[in-house]
Amino acid sequence: MGGPFSRKQQTFSLAEKVGLLSFVTAGLLCIFDLRMAVIPLAIYLAICLVAPFLPAFSFFLPIISRGNSGKKAVAISFDDGPDPLTTPALLNLLSSHNIKATFFVVGKKAAEHPELIRQIISQGHSIGNHTYSHDNFIMLKSSSTLLKEIEYTQDILKGLGVIPLAFRPPVGITNPRLRNVLLKLGMYNVNFSCRAMDCGNRFVLRLSSKILKSVRPGDIIVLHDMRPKKELFSYWLNEIETIFSVLEAKGFSVLPLSDLIEKPVSIRK
């Protein structure tokens, strides 16, 4: 399975370039002091350990985390759905504010609730791939497992009338294997630059203030399409409403993600 991005010429990743530089530097330092050769290698190893957890750091592969429009604009994205309680409520809210969002959906949930995927598409929103099972440890597993998780979700969504081009890994965590998997599938990685650390709507208190305090032009905002605790559902929905209203009041345009990053996010069949 391939896509419009699979034909692009592969280039060296930043990780490969830094790795090569580290080994060359270590080799040169060996001439003067063998002990000093350890320093660039240790620095490289430290970067490799930290890089997966930095959602905006294009170390192992290109990562889009902000927009290119040059306007006072942001894009809204929702992860982890669809859900029969939260998704319809979000769609109504988005419609009332005339906002087009991107839903990075979990394949298993999409298969369980195909009517929600069709509803998202019919209302003009875009769909991204967020793996089949949303395994938070997927990046510790093999390339074949990662490929199956993404490809299976692609197949499910294709059957529902949409082909995602944008992929977002669970929690925004990447690894060196993801680059070749996405190239094979003709996809690209989209993360985010503004979040409330709500842990999938487990912590929704002050959700709006956390987002609005840190939002900047060009941000890709990540929220979640998962149901919070029953007693907090109305509060959570009001927080989302507040985010939309205050963004508008502050003069932010809320653009479709494809407009903000100037790339198609999904293709309708």
Protein backbone atom coordinates (compact mmCIF):
# COMPACT_ATOMS: atom_id res chain seq x y z
CA MET A 1 0.00 0.00 0.00
CA GLY A 2 1.41 3.37 -0.95
CA GLY A 3 0.35 6.98 -1.18
CA PRO A 4 1.32 10.32 -2.64
CA PHE A 5 4.21 10.70 -0.23
CA SER A 6 5.75 7.24 -0.76
CA ARG A 7 7.43 8.27 -4.01
CA LYS A 8 9.48 11.04 -2.46
CA GLN A 9 13.20 10.44 -2.49
CA GLN A 10 14.43 9.19 0.85
CA THR A 11 16.98 11.40 2.55
CA PHE A 12 19.08 10.87 5.63
CA SER A 13 17.30 11.58 8.90
CA LEU A 14 18.73 13.97 11.46
CA ALA A 15 19.46 10.95 13.66
CA GLU A 16 21.57 9.39 10.91
CA LYS A 17 23.44 12.63 10.26
CA VAL A 18 24.14 13.26 13.95
CA GLY A 19 25.13 9.62 14.42
CA LEU A 20 27.63 9.80 11.57
CA LEU A 21 29.06 13.04 12.91
CA SER A 22 29.34 11.51 16.39
CA PHE A 23 31.27 8.49 15.13
CA VAL A 24 33.57 10.61 12.98
CA THR A 25 34.22 12.95 15.92
CA ALA A 26 34.87 9.98 18.20
CA GLY A 27 37.33 8.56 15.67
CA LEU A 28 39.23 11.84 15.49
CA LEU A 29 39.32 12.18 19.28
CA CYS A 30 40.81 8.69 19.55
CA ILE A 31 43.96 10.11 17.98
CA PHE A 32 44.47 12.44 20.95
CA ASP A 33 42.83 10.67 23.88
CA LEU A 34 40.81 7.45 23.77
CA ARG A 35 38.78 8.51 26.78
CA MET A 36 37.53 11.64 25.03
CA ALA A 37 36.07 9.54 22.22
CA VAL A 38 33.34 8.41 24.57
CA ILE A 39 31.93 11.95 24.91
CA PRO A 40 30.30 12.41 21.44
CA LEU A 41 28.99 8.83 21.54
CA ALA A 42 27.46 9.38 24.98
CA ILE A 43 25.84 12.63 23.82
CA TYR A 44 24.39 10.87 20.77
CA LEU A 45 23.01 8.05 22.89
CA ALA A 46 21.42 10.56 25.29
CA ILE A 47 19.72 12.37 22.39
CA CYS A 48 18.41 9.06 21.02
CA LEU A 49 16.90 8.23 24.41
CA VAL A 50 15.20 11.61 24.84
CA ALA A 51 14.11 12.33 21.24
CA PRO A 52 11.14 9.89 21.12
CA PHE A 53 9.40 11.82 23.89
CA LEU A 54 9.69 15.25 22.26
CA PRO A 55 6.63 15.49 19.96
CA ALA A 56 8.03 18.35 17.89
CA PHE A 57 11.60 17.04 17.48
CA SER A 58 12.18 15.76 13.93
CA PHE A 59 15.09 13.52 14.91
CA PHE A 60 14.18 10.08 13.59
CA LEU A 61 11.77 11.30 10.91
CA PRO A 62 10.13 14.54 9.73
CA ILE A 63 7.45 15.62 12.21
CA ILE A 64 4.90 18.32 11.54
CA SER A 65 3.88 19.94 14.80
CA ARG A 66 3.08 23.51 13.73
CA GLY A 67 1.49 25.29 10.80
CA ASN A 68 2.94 27.24 7.89
CA SER A 69 0.12 29.66 7.13
CA GLY A 70 1.81 32.76 8.57
CA LYS A 71 -1.58 33.84 9.91
CA LYS A 72 -2.91 34.23 13.43
CA ALA A 73 -4.42 30.80 13.12
CA VAL A 74 -4.47 27.40 14.77
CA ALA A 75 -5.86 23.96 13.99
CA ILE A 76 -7.88 21.73 16.30
CA SER A 77 -7.33 17.99 16.53
CA PHE A 78 -8.96 15.27 18.64
CA ASP A 79 -7.26 12.00 19.52
CA ASP A 80 -8.44 8.55 20.67
CA GLY A 81 -12.03 8.43 19.34
CA PRO A 82 -14.56 7.90 18.08
CA ASP A 83 -16.85 7.51 21.07
CA PRO A 84 -20.68 7.30 20.95
CA LEU A 85 -21.05 9.86 23.77
CA THR A 86 -18.33 12.41 23.13
CA THR A 87 -18.05 12.40 19.31
CA PRO A 88 -21.63 13.56 18.55
CA ALA A 89 -21.35 16.25 21.24
CA LEU A 90 -18.08 17.49 19.74
CA LEU A 91 -19.51 17.48 16.23
CA ASN A 92 -22.46 19.61 17.37
CA LEU A 93 -20.11 22.03 19.09
CA LEU A 94 -17.79 22.24 16.08
CA SER A 95 -20.77 22.88 13.82
CA SER A 96 -22.06 25.70 16.02
CA HIS A 97 -18.66 27.43 15.77
CA ASN A 98 -18.17 26.57 12.08
CA ILE A 99 -14.87 24.83 12.87
CA LYS A 100 -13.39 21.99 10.86
CA ALA A 101 -11.25 19.69 12.99
CA THR A 102 -9.13 16.60 12.46
CA PHE A 103 -9.99 13.40 14.30
CA PHE A 104 -7.04 11.06 14.79
CA VAL A 105 -9.03 7.90 15.31
CA VAL A 106 -8.21 4.51 16.80
CA GLY A 107 -8.84 1.72 14.30
CA LYS A 108 -10.53 -0.62 16.74
CA LYS A 109 -13.01 2.09 17.77
CA ALA A 110 -13.62 3.08 14.15
CA ALA A 111 -14.55 -0.52 13.36
CA GLU A 112 -16.92 -0.60 16.34
CA HIS A 113 -18.58 2.73 15.46
CA PRO A 114 -18.50 3.13 11.66
CA GLU A 115 -21.51 5.45 11.77
CA LEU A 116 -19.47 7.98 13.74
CA ILE A 117 -16.67 7.94 11.18
CA ARG A 118 -19.20 8.54 8.43
CA GLN A 119 -20.71 11.38 10.45
CA ILE A 120 -17.31 13.00 10.95
CA ILE A 121 -16.60 12.78 7.22
CA SER A 122 -20.06 13.99 6.17
CA GLN A 123 -19.62 17.14 8.26
CA GLY A 124 -16.40 18.05 6.46
CA HIS A 125 -13.83 17.09 9.09
CA SER A 126 -10.67 15.20 8.26
CA ILE A 127 -9.53 11.83 9.59
CA GLY A 128 -6.06 10.82 10.73
CA ASN A 129 -4.66 7.42 11.71
CA HIS A 130 -3.89 6.86 15.41
CA THR A 131 -3.04 3.11 15.24
CA TYR A 132 -5.46 0.23 15.68
CA SER A 133 -5.19 -0.44 19.41
CA HIS A 134 -3.62 2.75 20.83
CA ASP A 135 -0.89 0.77 22.56
CA ASN A 136 1.17 3.34 24.45
CA PHE A 137 4.17 1.02 24.15
CA ILE A 138 3.83 0.40 20.42
CA MET A 139 7.11 2.19 19.70
CA LEU A 140 8.95 -0.45 21.73
CA LYS A 141 7.69 -3.20 19.44
CA SER A 142 8.84 -4.48 16.06
CA SER A 143 8.50 -2.73 12.71
CA SER A 144 6.12 -5.46 11.53
CA THR A 145 3.83 -4.87 14.52
CA LEU A 146 3.89 -1.12 13.95
CA LEU A 147 3.14 -1.61 10.26
CA LYS A 148 0.19 -3.91 11.03
CA GLU A 149 -1.26 -1.43 13.56
CA ILE A 150 -1.22 1.43 11.07
CA GLU A 151 -2.08 -0.57 7.94
CA TYR A 152 -5.03 -2.36 9.56
CA THR A 153 -6.47 1.01 10.58
CA GLN A 154 -5.95 2.29 7.03
CA ASP A 155 -7.91 -0.66 5.67
CA ILE A 156 -10.79 -0.08 8.09
CA LEU A 157 -11.01 3.62 7.27
CA LYS A 158 -10.71 3.02 3.54
CA GLY A 159 -13.78 0.79 3.84
CA LEU A 160 -15.59 3.70 5.48
CA GLY A 161 -14.81 6.13 2.68
CA VAL A 162 -11.59 7.88 3.70
CA ILE A 163 -7.85 7.31 3.30
CA PRO A 164 -5.75 9.11 5.94
CA LEU A 165 -2.41 10.53 4.92
CA ALA A 166 -1.55 11.90 8.37
CA PHE A 167 -0.48 9.62 11.19
CA ARG A 168 -0.19 10.54 14.85
CA PRO A 169 1.48 8.02 17.17
CA PRO A 170 -0.01 7.38 20.61
CA VAL A 171 1.12 10.13 23.01
CA GLY A 172 3.18 11.61 20.15
CA ILE A 173 6.04 9.17 20.81
CA THR A 174 8.20 8.22 17.81
CA ASN A 175 11.06 5.81 17.10
CA PRO A 176 13.61 5.15 14.32
CA ARG A 177 11.44 2.43 12.71
CA LEU A 178 8.44 4.69 12.17
CA ARG A 179 10.06 6.60 9.32
CA ASN A 180 10.32 3.62 6.96
CA VAL A 181 6.86 2.33 7.94
CA LEU A 182 5.25 5.65 7.01
CA LEU A 183 7.25 5.89 3.79
CA LYS A 184 6.00 2.44 2.82
CA LEU A 185 2.40 3.48 3.45
CA GLY A 186 2.73 6.89 1.79
CA MET A 187 1.97 8.74 5.02
CA TYR A 188 3.56 11.41 7.18
CA ASN A 189 3.73 12.18 10.92
CA VAL A 190 1.66 14.98 12.45
CA ASN A 191 2.05 15.68 16.16
CA PHE A 192 1.09 18.87 18.03
CA SER A 193 2.48 22.01 19.65
CA CYS A 194 -0.22 22.88 22.18
CA ARG A 195 -1.70 20.48 24.72
CA ALA A 196 -3.15 20.49 28.22
CA MET A 197 -1.60 17.21 29.42
CA ASP A 198 -5.11 15.92 30.08
CA CYS A 199 -4.09 12.26 29.72
CA GLY A 200 -6.98 11.34 27.48
CA ASN A 201 -9.56 13.42 29.40
CA ARG A 202 -8.60 11.88 32.72
CA PHE A 203 -7.62 15.35 33.96
CA VAL A 204 -10.04 17.89 32.49
CA LEU A 205 -10.01 20.49 35.28
CA ARG A 206 -8.83 23.86 33.96
CA LEU A 207 -8.51 22.34 30.48
CA SER A 208 -9.39 25.59 28.72
CA SER A 209 -7.07 27.78 30.77
CA LYS A 210 -4.12 25.44 30.11
CA ILE A 211 -4.69 25.58 26.35
CA LEU A 212 -5.47 29.29 26.15
CA LYS A 213 -2.50 30.24 28.32
CA SER A 214 0.00 28.59 25.98
CA VAL A 215 -1.59 28.84 22.53
CA ARG A 216 0.40 30.65 19.84
CA PRO A 217 -0.22 31.39 16.14
CA GLY A 218 0.50 28.31 14.06
CA ASP A 219 -0.22 25.83 16.84
CA ILE A 220 -1.74 22.43 16.29
CA ILE A 221 -3.90 21.96 19.37
CA VAL A 222 -4.51 18.43 20.59
CA LEU A 223 -7.62 17.56 22.61
CA HIS A 224 -9.26 14.20 23.20
CA ASP A 225 -12.38 12.48 21.95
CA MET A 226 -12.73 10.20 24.96
CA ARG A 227 -15.39 10.34 27.62
CA PRO A 228 -14.29 11.85 30.93
CA LYS A 229 -15.82 10.76 34.21
CA LYS A 230 -19.61 10.85 33.99
CA GLU A 231 -19.94 13.67 36.51
CA LEU A 232 -17.42 15.77 34.54
CA PHE A 233 -18.91 15.36 31.07
CA SER A 234 -20.81 18.69 31.06
CA TYR A 235 -17.83 20.46 32.59
CA TRP A 236 -15.50 19.00 29.92
CA LEU A 237 -17.81 20.00 27.08
CA ASN A 238 -18.06 23.52 28.47
CA GLU A 239 -14.26 23.70 28.62
CA ILE A 240 -14.06 22.81 24.93
CA GLU A 241 -16.71 25.45 24.19
CA THR A 242 -14.64 28.00 26.14
CA ILE A 243 -11.55 27.19 24.10
CA PHE A 244 -13.41 27.78 20.84
CA SER A 245 -15.09 30.98 22.06
CA VAL A 246 -11.96 32.57 23.52
CA LEU A 247 -9.87 31.72 20.46
CA GLU A 248 -12.44 33.55 18.35
CA ALA A 249 -12.55 36.47 20.79
CA LYS A 250 -8.76 36.76 20.65
CA GLY A 251 -8.81 36.97 16.88
CA PHE A 252 -7.51 33.49 16.13
CA SER A 253 -8.75 31.80 12.98
CA VAL A 254 -9.34 28.10 13.49
CA LEU A 255 -8.34 26.54 10.19
CA PRO A 256 -8.65 22.99 8.94
CA LEU A 257 -5.38 21.20 9.65
CA SER A 258 -4.74 20.77 5.93
CA ASP A 259 -4.90 24.56 5.44
CA LEU A 260 -2.63 25.26 8.40
CA ILE A 261 0.11 22.81 7.35
CA GLU A 262 -0.54 23.18 3.60
CA LYS A 263 -0.80 19.44 3.05
CA PRO A 264 -3.76 17.12 2.53
CA VAL A 265 -4.63 15.23 5.72
CA SER A 266 -6.95 12.63 4.26
CA ILE A 267 -8.53 11.72 0.94
CA ARG A 268 -12.23 10.95 0.61
CA LYS A 269 -12.96 8.00 -1.63
